[in-house]
N, C-alpha and C. Protein backbone atom coordinates (compact mmCIF):
# COMPACT_ATOMS: atom_id res chain seq x y z
N MET A 1 -40.12 -17.87 19.79
CA MET A 1 -38.68 -17.95 19.53
C MET A 1 -38.08 -18.92 20.55
N LEU A 2 -37.17 -19.73 20.10
CA LEU A 2 -36.51 -20.69 20.99
C LEU A 2 -35.44 -20.00 21.84
N TRP A 3 -35.16 -20.62 22.96
CA TRP A 3 -34.09 -20.17 23.86
C TRP A 3 -32.90 -21.09 23.63
N PRO A 4 -31.69 -20.63 23.57
CA PRO A 4 -31.30 -19.25 23.47
C PRO A 4 -31.66 -18.68 22.11
N PHE A 5 -31.49 -17.35 21.98
CA PHE A 5 -31.95 -16.66 20.81
C PHE A 5 -31.39 -17.25 19.50
N GLY A 6 -32.19 -17.18 18.46
CA GLY A 6 -31.71 -17.57 17.13
C GLY A 6 -32.37 -18.81 16.62
N SER A 7 -32.32 -18.97 15.31
CA SER A 7 -32.99 -20.08 14.67
C SER A 7 -32.22 -21.39 14.87
N ASP A 8 -30.95 -21.33 15.18
CA ASP A 8 -30.19 -22.56 15.46
C ASP A 8 -30.03 -22.79 16.95
N ALA A 9 -31.10 -22.48 17.66
CA ALA A 9 -31.06 -22.49 19.12
C ALA A 9 -30.65 -23.83 19.69
N THR A 10 -31.11 -24.93 19.12
CA THR A 10 -30.78 -26.22 19.73
C THR A 10 -29.29 -26.50 19.53
N ALA A 11 -28.67 -25.96 18.49
CA ALA A 11 -27.25 -26.16 18.27
C ALA A 11 -26.40 -25.44 19.30
N ALA A 12 -26.97 -24.42 19.94
CA ALA A 12 -26.23 -23.63 20.91
C ALA A 12 -26.01 -24.42 22.21
N TYR A 13 -26.78 -25.45 22.45
CA TYR A 13 -26.63 -26.25 23.65
C TYR A 13 -25.79 -27.49 23.34
N SER A 14 -24.63 -27.59 23.91
CA SER A 14 -23.84 -28.79 23.70
C SER A 14 -24.34 -29.92 24.57
N ILE A 15 -25.11 -29.59 25.61
CA ILE A 15 -25.63 -30.59 26.52
C ILE A 15 -27.16 -30.67 26.38
N ASP A 16 -27.68 -30.39 25.21
CA ASP A 16 -29.13 -30.33 24.98
C ASP A 16 -29.83 -31.60 25.45
N ALA A 17 -29.22 -32.77 25.27
CA ALA A 17 -29.83 -34.02 25.64
C ALA A 17 -30.10 -34.09 27.14
N MET A 18 -29.38 -33.30 27.92
CA MET A 18 -29.56 -33.30 29.38
C MET A 18 -30.71 -32.40 29.79
N ASN A 19 -31.20 -31.55 28.89
CA ASN A 19 -32.31 -30.69 29.25
C ASN A 19 -33.61 -31.49 29.33
N TRP A 20 -34.47 -31.09 30.23
CA TRP A 20 -35.80 -31.72 30.31
C TRP A 20 -36.62 -31.38 29.07
N GLY A 21 -36.54 -30.12 28.64
CA GLY A 21 -37.37 -29.70 27.52
C GLY A 21 -36.79 -28.48 26.82
N THR A 22 -37.60 -27.95 25.92
CA THR A 22 -37.24 -26.77 25.12
C THR A 22 -37.94 -25.55 25.67
N VAL A 23 -37.21 -24.45 25.76
CA VAL A 23 -37.80 -23.18 26.25
C VAL A 23 -38.16 -22.34 25.04
N GLU A 24 -39.39 -21.81 25.07
CA GLU A 24 -39.84 -20.88 24.04
C GLU A 24 -40.14 -19.53 24.67
N LEU A 25 -39.90 -18.46 23.94
CA LEU A 25 -40.09 -17.14 24.44
C LEU A 25 -41.22 -16.44 23.69
N GLU A 26 -42.17 -15.92 24.45
CA GLU A 26 -43.17 -15.05 23.87
C GLU A 26 -42.50 -13.69 23.66
N PRO A 27 -43.01 -12.88 22.72
CA PRO A 27 -42.34 -11.61 22.40
C PRO A 27 -42.04 -10.71 23.58
N GLU A 28 -42.93 -10.64 24.57
CA GLU A 28 -42.67 -9.78 25.73
C GLU A 28 -41.39 -10.18 26.47
N VAL A 29 -41.23 -11.46 26.67
CA VAL A 29 -40.06 -11.97 27.41
C VAL A 29 -38.80 -11.78 26.55
N ARG A 30 -38.89 -12.09 25.28
CA ARG A 30 -37.74 -11.93 24.38
C ARG A 30 -37.26 -10.48 24.38
N LEU A 31 -38.17 -9.52 24.25
CA LEU A 31 -37.80 -8.10 24.23
C LEU A 31 -37.17 -7.68 25.56
N TRP A 32 -37.72 -8.15 26.65
CA TRP A 32 -37.21 -7.82 27.97
C TRP A 32 -35.78 -8.35 28.11
N LEU A 33 -35.56 -9.58 27.73
CA LEU A 33 -34.21 -10.17 27.82
C LEU A 33 -33.21 -9.41 26.94
N GLU A 34 -33.63 -9.04 25.75
CA GLU A 34 -32.75 -8.33 24.82
C GLU A 34 -32.29 -6.98 25.38
N GLN A 35 -33.12 -6.38 26.24
CA GLN A 35 -32.81 -5.07 26.77
C GLN A 35 -31.99 -5.10 28.06
N LEU A 36 -31.77 -6.29 28.60
CA LEU A 36 -31.03 -6.37 29.86
C LEU A 36 -29.54 -6.13 29.63
N PRO A 37 -28.88 -5.42 30.56
CA PRO A 37 -27.42 -5.35 30.53
C PRO A 37 -26.83 -6.76 30.64
N THR A 38 -25.61 -6.88 30.19
CA THR A 38 -24.97 -8.23 30.09
C THR A 38 -25.01 -9.00 31.40
N ALA A 39 -24.66 -8.38 32.51
CA ALA A 39 -24.62 -9.10 33.78
C ALA A 39 -26.00 -9.57 34.20
N GLN A 40 -27.02 -8.72 34.01
CA GLN A 40 -28.38 -9.13 34.34
C GLN A 40 -28.89 -10.20 33.41
N PHE A 41 -28.53 -10.12 32.14
CA PHE A 41 -28.90 -11.14 31.17
C PHE A 41 -28.34 -12.48 31.62
N ALA A 42 -27.08 -12.48 32.04
CA ALA A 42 -26.41 -13.71 32.47
C ALA A 42 -27.15 -14.35 33.65
N THR A 43 -27.59 -13.50 34.61
CA THR A 43 -28.33 -14.01 35.76
C THR A 43 -29.65 -14.62 35.30
N ALA A 44 -30.39 -13.88 34.47
CA ALA A 44 -31.68 -14.37 33.98
C ALA A 44 -31.46 -15.68 33.22
N ALA A 45 -30.44 -15.71 32.38
CA ALA A 45 -30.13 -16.91 31.57
C ALA A 45 -29.86 -18.11 32.47
N PHE A 46 -29.17 -17.89 33.57
CA PHE A 46 -28.89 -18.98 34.51
C PHE A 46 -30.19 -19.63 34.99
N TYR A 47 -31.18 -18.80 35.35
CA TYR A 47 -32.43 -19.34 35.87
C TYR A 47 -33.28 -19.97 34.76
N VAL A 48 -33.28 -19.39 33.56
CA VAL A 48 -33.98 -20.00 32.44
C VAL A 48 -33.36 -21.35 32.10
N ASP A 49 -32.04 -21.40 32.08
CA ASP A 49 -31.37 -22.70 31.83
C ASP A 49 -31.67 -23.73 32.92
N LEU A 50 -31.75 -23.28 34.15
CA LEU A 50 -32.09 -24.19 35.27
C LEU A 50 -33.49 -24.75 35.06
N LEU A 51 -34.42 -23.91 34.62
CA LEU A 51 -35.78 -24.38 34.33
C LEU A 51 -35.78 -25.37 33.16
N ALA A 52 -34.98 -25.10 32.12
CA ALA A 52 -34.88 -25.99 30.98
C ALA A 52 -34.31 -27.35 31.38
N GLU A 53 -33.38 -27.36 32.31
CA GLU A 53 -32.76 -28.59 32.78
C GLU A 53 -33.73 -29.42 33.63
N GLU A 54 -34.43 -28.76 34.53
CA GLU A 54 -35.25 -29.48 35.52
C GLU A 54 -36.73 -29.61 35.12
N GLY A 55 -37.24 -28.72 34.30
CA GLY A 55 -38.62 -28.75 33.91
C GLY A 55 -39.56 -28.71 35.09
N PRO A 56 -40.58 -29.56 35.13
CA PRO A 56 -41.56 -29.51 36.22
C PRO A 56 -41.00 -29.99 37.58
N LEU A 57 -39.80 -30.54 37.57
CA LEU A 57 -39.19 -30.98 38.82
C LEU A 57 -38.57 -29.83 39.59
N LEU A 58 -38.38 -28.66 38.93
CA LEU A 58 -37.81 -27.53 39.61
C LEU A 58 -38.89 -26.92 40.53
N GLY A 59 -38.62 -26.86 41.80
CA GLY A 59 -39.59 -26.38 42.76
C GLY A 59 -39.19 -25.10 43.41
N GLU A 60 -39.83 -24.82 44.53
CA GLU A 60 -39.52 -23.60 45.29
C GLU A 60 -38.12 -23.74 45.86
N PRO A 61 -37.39 -22.66 45.94
CA PRO A 61 -37.82 -21.25 45.81
C PRO A 61 -37.73 -20.75 44.35
N TYR A 62 -37.35 -21.59 43.42
CA TYR A 62 -37.12 -21.13 42.04
C TYR A 62 -38.44 -20.95 41.24
N THR A 63 -39.41 -21.80 41.49
CA THR A 63 -40.67 -21.70 40.79
C THR A 63 -41.82 -21.86 41.78
N ARG A 64 -42.99 -21.39 41.31
CA ARG A 64 -44.18 -21.54 42.13
C ARG A 64 -45.39 -21.61 41.22
N GLN A 65 -46.34 -22.46 41.60
CA GLN A 65 -47.59 -22.55 40.82
C GLN A 65 -48.45 -21.36 41.18
N LEU A 66 -49.00 -20.69 40.15
CA LEU A 66 -49.86 -19.55 40.37
C LEU A 66 -51.33 -19.95 40.26
N ASP A 67 -51.65 -20.73 39.24
CA ASP A 67 -53.06 -21.13 39.02
C ASP A 67 -53.10 -22.18 37.95
N GLY A 68 -53.54 -23.40 38.28
CA GLY A 68 -53.63 -24.45 37.29
C GLY A 68 -52.27 -24.71 36.66
N LYS A 69 -52.19 -24.56 35.34
CA LYS A 69 -50.94 -24.79 34.59
C LYS A 69 -50.02 -23.59 34.64
N LEU A 70 -50.48 -22.49 35.13
CA LEU A 70 -49.72 -21.24 35.17
C LEU A 70 -48.71 -21.28 36.34
N ARG A 71 -47.46 -21.02 36.00
CA ARG A 71 -46.38 -21.04 37.01
C ARG A 71 -45.51 -19.79 36.84
N GLU A 72 -44.64 -19.53 37.81
CA GLU A 72 -43.69 -18.43 37.70
C GLU A 72 -42.29 -18.89 38.06
N LEU A 73 -41.32 -18.42 37.30
CA LEU A 73 -39.91 -18.57 37.60
C LEU A 73 -39.51 -17.38 38.41
N ARG A 74 -38.84 -17.59 39.53
CA ARG A 74 -38.56 -16.50 40.52
C ARG A 74 -37.09 -16.33 40.73
N PHE A 75 -36.60 -15.09 40.59
CA PHE A 75 -35.21 -14.77 40.85
C PHE A 75 -35.10 -13.26 41.09
N HIS A 76 -33.92 -12.82 41.46
CA HIS A 76 -33.67 -11.41 41.74
C HIS A 76 -32.60 -10.85 40.76
N LEU A 77 -32.84 -9.62 40.36
CA LEU A 77 -31.86 -8.83 39.57
C LEU A 77 -31.62 -7.53 40.33
N GLU A 78 -30.41 -7.33 40.77
CA GLU A 78 -30.05 -6.10 41.51
C GLU A 78 -31.06 -5.75 42.60
N GLY A 79 -31.43 -6.74 43.39
CA GLY A 79 -32.29 -6.52 44.52
C GLY A 79 -33.77 -6.49 44.21
N GLN A 80 -34.14 -6.60 42.95
CA GLN A 80 -35.55 -6.60 42.56
C GLN A 80 -36.02 -8.04 42.29
N ALA A 81 -37.17 -8.35 42.85
CA ALA A 81 -37.76 -9.68 42.63
C ALA A 81 -38.41 -9.74 41.26
N ILE A 82 -37.87 -10.58 40.40
CA ILE A 82 -38.34 -10.72 39.01
C ILE A 82 -39.16 -11.99 38.91
N ARG A 83 -40.24 -11.93 38.15
CA ARG A 83 -41.06 -13.09 37.89
C ARG A 83 -41.28 -13.24 36.39
N LEU A 84 -41.00 -14.45 35.88
CA LEU A 84 -41.27 -14.82 34.51
C LEU A 84 -42.40 -15.86 34.57
N THR A 85 -43.53 -15.56 34.01
CA THR A 85 -44.63 -16.53 34.03
C THR A 85 -44.43 -17.52 32.87
N TYR A 86 -44.84 -18.76 33.11
CA TYR A 86 -44.66 -19.78 32.09
C TYR A 86 -45.71 -20.88 32.27
N TRP A 87 -45.79 -21.72 31.27
CA TRP A 87 -46.56 -22.95 31.37
C TRP A 87 -45.81 -24.05 30.64
N ILE A 88 -46.09 -25.25 30.98
CA ILE A 88 -45.47 -26.40 30.32
C ILE A 88 -46.44 -26.92 29.31
N ALA A 89 -46.08 -26.71 28.02
CA ALA A 89 -46.92 -27.09 26.91
C ALA A 89 -46.64 -28.53 26.50
N PRO A 90 -47.50 -29.12 25.67
CA PRO A 90 -47.24 -30.46 25.17
C PRO A 90 -45.89 -30.53 24.45
N GLY A 91 -45.30 -31.68 24.46
CA GLY A 91 -44.02 -31.88 23.75
C GLY A 91 -42.83 -31.36 24.55
N ARG A 92 -42.98 -31.34 25.89
CA ARG A 92 -41.88 -30.88 26.75
C ARG A 92 -41.40 -29.48 26.37
N ARG A 93 -42.37 -28.59 26.13
CA ARG A 93 -42.07 -27.20 25.83
C ARG A 93 -42.41 -26.33 27.02
N ILE A 94 -41.48 -25.48 27.41
CA ILE A 94 -41.69 -24.52 28.48
C ILE A 94 -41.83 -23.16 27.80
N VAL A 95 -42.99 -22.56 27.91
CA VAL A 95 -43.31 -21.31 27.22
C VAL A 95 -43.26 -20.16 28.25
N LEU A 96 -42.25 -19.30 28.10
CA LEU A 96 -42.14 -18.11 28.95
C LEU A 96 -43.04 -17.02 28.33
N MET A 97 -44.00 -16.52 29.12
CA MET A 97 -45.04 -15.67 28.52
C MET A 97 -44.94 -14.20 28.93
N THR A 98 -44.86 -13.91 30.22
CA THR A 98 -44.82 -12.55 30.69
C THR A 98 -43.74 -12.34 31.70
N VAL A 99 -43.38 -11.09 31.93
CA VAL A 99 -42.35 -10.76 32.93
C VAL A 99 -42.82 -9.56 33.75
N PHE A 100 -42.54 -9.59 35.04
CA PHE A 100 -42.87 -8.42 35.87
C PHE A 100 -41.96 -8.41 37.08
N THR A 101 -41.84 -7.21 37.67
CA THR A 101 -41.13 -6.99 38.92
C THR A 101 -42.12 -7.08 40.04
N LYS A 102 -41.88 -7.95 40.97
CA LYS A 102 -42.80 -8.12 42.10
C LYS A 102 -42.68 -6.94 43.06
N THR A 103 -43.77 -6.26 43.30
CA THR A 103 -43.74 -5.10 44.19
C THR A 103 -44.74 -5.25 45.34
N ARG A 104 -45.66 -6.24 45.27
CA ARG A 104 -46.68 -6.43 46.27
C ARG A 104 -46.70 -7.87 46.72
N MET A 105 -47.36 -8.10 47.85
CA MET A 105 -47.48 -9.46 48.35
C MET A 105 -48.28 -10.31 47.37
N ARG A 106 -49.33 -9.78 46.80
CA ARG A 106 -50.13 -10.47 45.78
C ARG A 106 -50.22 -9.59 44.56
N GLU A 107 -49.75 -10.11 43.47
CA GLU A 107 -49.73 -9.37 42.20
C GLU A 107 -50.93 -9.78 41.35
N HIS A 108 -52.13 -9.41 41.78
CA HIS A 108 -53.35 -9.85 41.10
C HIS A 108 -53.41 -9.43 39.62
N ARG A 109 -53.04 -8.20 39.33
CA ARG A 109 -53.09 -7.74 37.94
C ARG A 109 -52.13 -8.48 37.05
N GLU A 110 -50.93 -8.70 37.54
CA GLU A 110 -49.94 -9.41 36.76
C GLU A 110 -50.31 -10.89 36.56
N ILE A 111 -50.88 -11.48 37.54
CA ILE A 111 -51.29 -12.87 37.42
C ILE A 111 -52.47 -12.96 36.45
N GLU A 112 -53.38 -12.00 36.48
CA GLU A 112 -54.49 -12.02 35.56
C GLU A 112 -53.98 -11.80 34.10
N ARG A 113 -52.98 -10.95 33.96
CA ARG A 113 -52.39 -10.73 32.62
C ARG A 113 -51.73 -12.04 32.13
N ALA A 114 -51.07 -12.76 33.03
CA ALA A 114 -50.45 -14.01 32.67
C ALA A 114 -51.52 -15.06 32.32
N ARG A 115 -52.65 -15.05 33.03
CA ARG A 115 -53.73 -15.99 32.68
C ARG A 115 -54.23 -15.72 31.27
N ARG A 116 -54.35 -14.46 30.90
CA ARG A 116 -54.79 -14.12 29.55
C ARG A 116 -53.75 -14.57 28.51
N ALA A 117 -52.47 -14.37 28.83
CA ALA A 117 -51.41 -14.84 27.91
C ALA A 117 -51.43 -16.34 27.76
N LEU A 118 -51.67 -17.08 28.84
CA LEU A 118 -51.79 -18.52 28.77
C LEU A 118 -52.96 -18.95 27.89
N ALA A 119 -54.10 -18.32 28.10
CA ALA A 119 -55.30 -18.64 27.30
C ALA A 119 -55.03 -18.38 25.81
N ARG A 120 -54.32 -17.30 25.49
CA ARG A 120 -53.97 -16.95 24.13
C ARG A 120 -53.03 -18.01 23.53
N CYS A 121 -52.04 -18.42 24.29
CA CYS A 121 -51.09 -19.42 23.82
C CYS A 121 -51.80 -20.75 23.53
N VAL A 122 -52.66 -21.14 24.42
CA VAL A 122 -53.38 -22.40 24.23
C VAL A 122 -54.30 -22.33 23.03
N ALA A 123 -54.99 -21.19 22.90
CA ALA A 123 -55.95 -21.04 21.80
C ALA A 123 -55.21 -20.99 20.45
N GLU A 124 -54.07 -20.35 20.39
CA GLU A 124 -53.35 -20.22 19.14
C GLU A 124 -52.58 -21.47 18.77
N GLU A 125 -52.34 -22.32 19.75
CA GLU A 125 -51.60 -23.57 19.54
C GLU A 125 -50.32 -23.33 18.72
N HIS A 126 -49.65 -22.17 18.98
CA HIS A 126 -48.45 -21.88 18.20
C HIS A 126 -47.28 -22.71 18.69
N THR A 127 -46.30 -22.82 17.80
CA THR A 127 -45.07 -23.51 18.14
C THR A 127 -43.88 -22.63 17.80
N ALA A 128 -42.74 -22.95 18.35
CA ALA A 128 -41.52 -22.17 18.03
C ALA A 128 -41.18 -22.31 16.57
N GLU A 129 -41.47 -23.47 15.98
CA GLU A 129 -41.12 -23.69 14.57
C GLU A 129 -41.89 -22.69 13.71
N GLU A 130 -43.18 -22.44 14.03
CA GLU A 130 -43.94 -21.47 13.29
C GLU A 130 -43.36 -20.08 13.44
N ASP A 131 -42.97 -19.72 14.68
CA ASP A 131 -42.38 -18.41 14.90
C ASP A 131 -41.10 -18.22 14.10
N GLU A 132 -40.27 -19.26 14.06
CA GLU A 132 -38.99 -19.15 13.36
C GLU A 132 -39.18 -18.99 11.85
N SER A 133 -40.19 -19.63 11.31
CA SER A 133 -40.39 -19.55 9.86
C SER A 133 -40.92 -18.22 9.42
N ASP A 134 -41.42 -17.42 10.37
CA ASP A 134 -41.93 -16.08 10.05
C ASP A 134 -40.81 -15.09 9.86
N ASP A 135 -39.61 -15.39 10.35
CA ASP A 135 -38.48 -14.43 10.26
C ASP A 135 -37.96 -14.25 8.85
């Protein structure tokens, strides 16, 4: 699914030409965002929009490379460190794959889960257009 939600997602951005790329949401991230209270959603949306605007040029403290093409978007919601894992796919697509609350210095299980999600995304070669046509 494209960011922001809905099939007319690109129409929702009046400054779309200024974005580096298009953000796509895997189901886990979409469901997580849909369940956030309005204020928390607005904070998360700010950081997702920042990533869409800057793409691979957005660096620390907002993003960090985890492993190869696997990266994380980093921000806080009500004092909790939130991580959205993503990769930059061909065609200037930023695919948000998994979400977790950071609770340890090294989140090995969450990073391994994100690696599996990345491998699945690459293997399936899915696009947002395919996801939208399924609705």
